[in-house]
Amino acid sequence: MSTLPPCLECQSDFTYEDGSGLLICPECGYEWSDQAANETEPNERVHRDSAGNILQDGDSVTVIKDLKLKGSSGVIKMGTKVKNIRLVDGDHDIDCKIDSFGAMSLKSEFVKKI
């Protein structure tokens, strides 16, 4: 069993070490030093609104532009206030409930922290 770390780019477990101390991923071709792998820490993602403010769970935000709802003829108007947001990982990084629309996901680039 290999004790080498997985690839930093593609997370492949098939990394190998060449003679000069470099680790190499045969799947994506990424090369890095063993020392860099030890210094790397998993970073927690920071969610920011359209103005660059850091968002946290439970914040209240305002929609900064009209947003068309996919699969519906409804529109969330600019200035709509959204309370008690929940941050999630993914393309749409805010889960929330909007009055008269229900539960939905929003992108943080289209909201502004109140």
Protein backbone atom coordinates (compact mmCIF):
# COMPACT_ATOMS: atom_id res chain seq x y z
CA MET A 1 0.00 0.00 0.00
CA SER A 2 1.34 3.41 -0.99
CA THR A 3 1.82 6.15 1.60
CA LEU A 4 2.13 8.85 -1.06
CA PRO A 5 -0.47 11.63 -0.99
CA PRO A 6 -3.10 11.85 -3.74
CA CYS A 7 -2.61 14.26 -6.64
CA LEU A 8 -3.18 17.90 -5.66
CA GLU A 9 -4.93 18.62 -8.98
CA CYS A 10 -7.16 15.62 -9.75
CA GLN A 11 -7.07 13.69 -6.41
CA SER A 12 -5.84 10.52 -8.16
CA ASP A 13 -4.38 7.83 -5.89
CA PHE A 14 -1.91 6.65 -8.55
CA THR A 15 0.87 9.13 -7.75
CA TYR A 16 4.49 7.98 -7.82
CA GLU A 17 7.83 9.43 -6.87
CA ASP A 18 10.70 9.87 -9.30
CA GLY A 19 14.32 9.73 -8.19
CA SER A 20 14.72 13.47 -7.62
CA GLY A 21 12.00 13.84 -4.95
CA LEU A 22 9.17 14.97 -7.24
CA LEU A 23 5.73 13.40 -7.02
CA ILE A 24 4.05 12.78 -10.38
CA CYS A 25 0.43 12.02 -11.31
CA PRO A 26 0.20 9.71 -14.34
CA GLU A 27 -3.45 10.66 -14.98
CA CYS A 28 -3.18 14.45 -15.31
CA GLY A 29 0.62 14.88 -15.56
CA TYR A 30 0.85 17.25 -12.57
CA GLU A 31 4.23 17.34 -10.81
CA TRP A 32 4.96 18.73 -7.34
CA SER A 33 7.58 18.40 -4.63
CA ASP A 34 7.02 16.22 -1.60
CA GLN A 35 7.67 19.24 0.64
CA ALA A 36 4.87 21.23 -1.03
CA ALA A 37 2.44 18.38 -0.34
CA ASN A 38 3.27 18.51 3.36
CA GLU A 39 2.76 22.29 3.56
CA THR A 40 -0.61 22.24 1.81
CA GLU A 41 -3.64 22.47 4.07
CA PRO A 42 -7.25 22.13 2.99
CA ASN A 43 -8.67 25.63 2.67
CA GLU A 44 -12.19 26.43 3.74
CA ARG A 45 -14.11 28.21 1.01
CA VAL A 46 -15.02 31.82 1.69
CA HIS A 47 -18.34 32.97 0.23
CA ARG A 48 -18.51 36.63 -0.80
CA ASP A 49 -21.38 38.77 -2.06
CA SER A 50 -21.30 41.05 -5.10
CA ALA A 51 -19.57 43.81 -3.12
CA GLY A 52 -16.91 41.49 -1.68
CA ASN A 53 -18.40 41.20 1.82
CA ILE A 54 -17.96 37.82 3.50
CA LEU A 55 -21.23 35.92 3.86
CA GLN A 56 -22.07 33.62 6.77
CA ASP A 57 -24.95 31.29 7.58
CA GLY A 58 -27.94 33.24 8.91
CA ASP A 59 -27.11 36.53 7.14
CA SER A 60 -29.74 38.62 5.37
CA VAL A 61 -29.13 39.65 1.78
CA THR A 62 -30.80 41.66 -0.99
CA VAL A 63 -31.04 40.56 -4.63
CA ILE A 64 -29.17 43.08 -6.82
CA LYS A 65 -30.82 42.33 -10.19
CA ASP A 66 -33.96 40.72 -11.58
CA LEU A 67 -33.51 36.95 -11.67
CA LYS A 68 -35.58 34.79 -14.01
CA LEU A 69 -36.66 31.48 -12.53
CA LYS A 70 -35.63 28.49 -14.60
CA GLY A 71 -38.62 26.43 -15.74
CA SER A 72 -41.10 29.12 -14.73
CA SER A 73 -42.31 32.48 -15.90
CA GLY A 74 -41.70 34.03 -12.47
CA VAL A 75 -39.06 36.65 -11.72
CA ILE A 76 -37.38 37.56 -8.46
CA LYS A 77 -37.26 41.35 -8.53
CA MET A 78 -34.26 43.48 -7.70
CA GLY A 79 -34.35 44.56 -4.04
CA THR A 80 -36.03 41.38 -2.76
CA LYS A 81 -34.85 40.73 0.79
CA VAL A 82 -33.80 37.20 1.74
CA LYS A 83 -33.39 36.38 5.43
CA ASN A 84 -31.53 33.55 7.14
CA ILE A 85 -29.46 32.22 4.24
CA ARG A 86 -27.58 28.91 4.38
CA LEU A 87 -24.25 28.56 2.57
CA VAL A 88 -23.54 25.37 0.64
CA ASP A 89 -20.82 24.22 -1.75
CA GLY A 90 -21.67 24.07 -5.42
CA ASP A 91 -22.51 26.30 -8.35
CA HIS A 92 -25.41 27.97 -6.52
CA ASP A 93 -23.89 28.57 -3.11
CA ILE A 94 -26.86 30.00 -1.16
CA ASP A 95 -29.91 28.01 -0.08
CA CYS A 96 -32.82 30.11 1.15
CA LYS A 97 -36.57 30.59 1.30
CA ILE A 98 -38.09 33.56 -0.47
CA ASP A 99 -41.60 34.70 0.41
CA SER A 100 -44.11 33.82 -2.34
CA PHE A 101 -41.48 31.72 -4.18
CA GLY A 102 -40.44 29.09 -1.63
CA ALA A 103 -37.11 27.32 -1.27
CA MET A 104 -34.45 28.01 -3.86
CA SER A 105 -30.74 28.33 -4.51
CA LEU A 106 -29.00 31.56 -5.46
CA LYS A 107 -25.51 32.51 -6.59
CA SER A 108 -23.65 34.79 -4.20
CA GLU A 109 -22.65 37.08 -7.09
CA PHE A 110 -26.27 38.26 -7.40
CA VAL A 111 -26.83 39.26 -3.77
CA LYS A 112 -25.62 42.01 -1.46
CA LYS A 113 -25.31 41.67 2.31
CA ILE A 114 -27.62 43.91 4.34
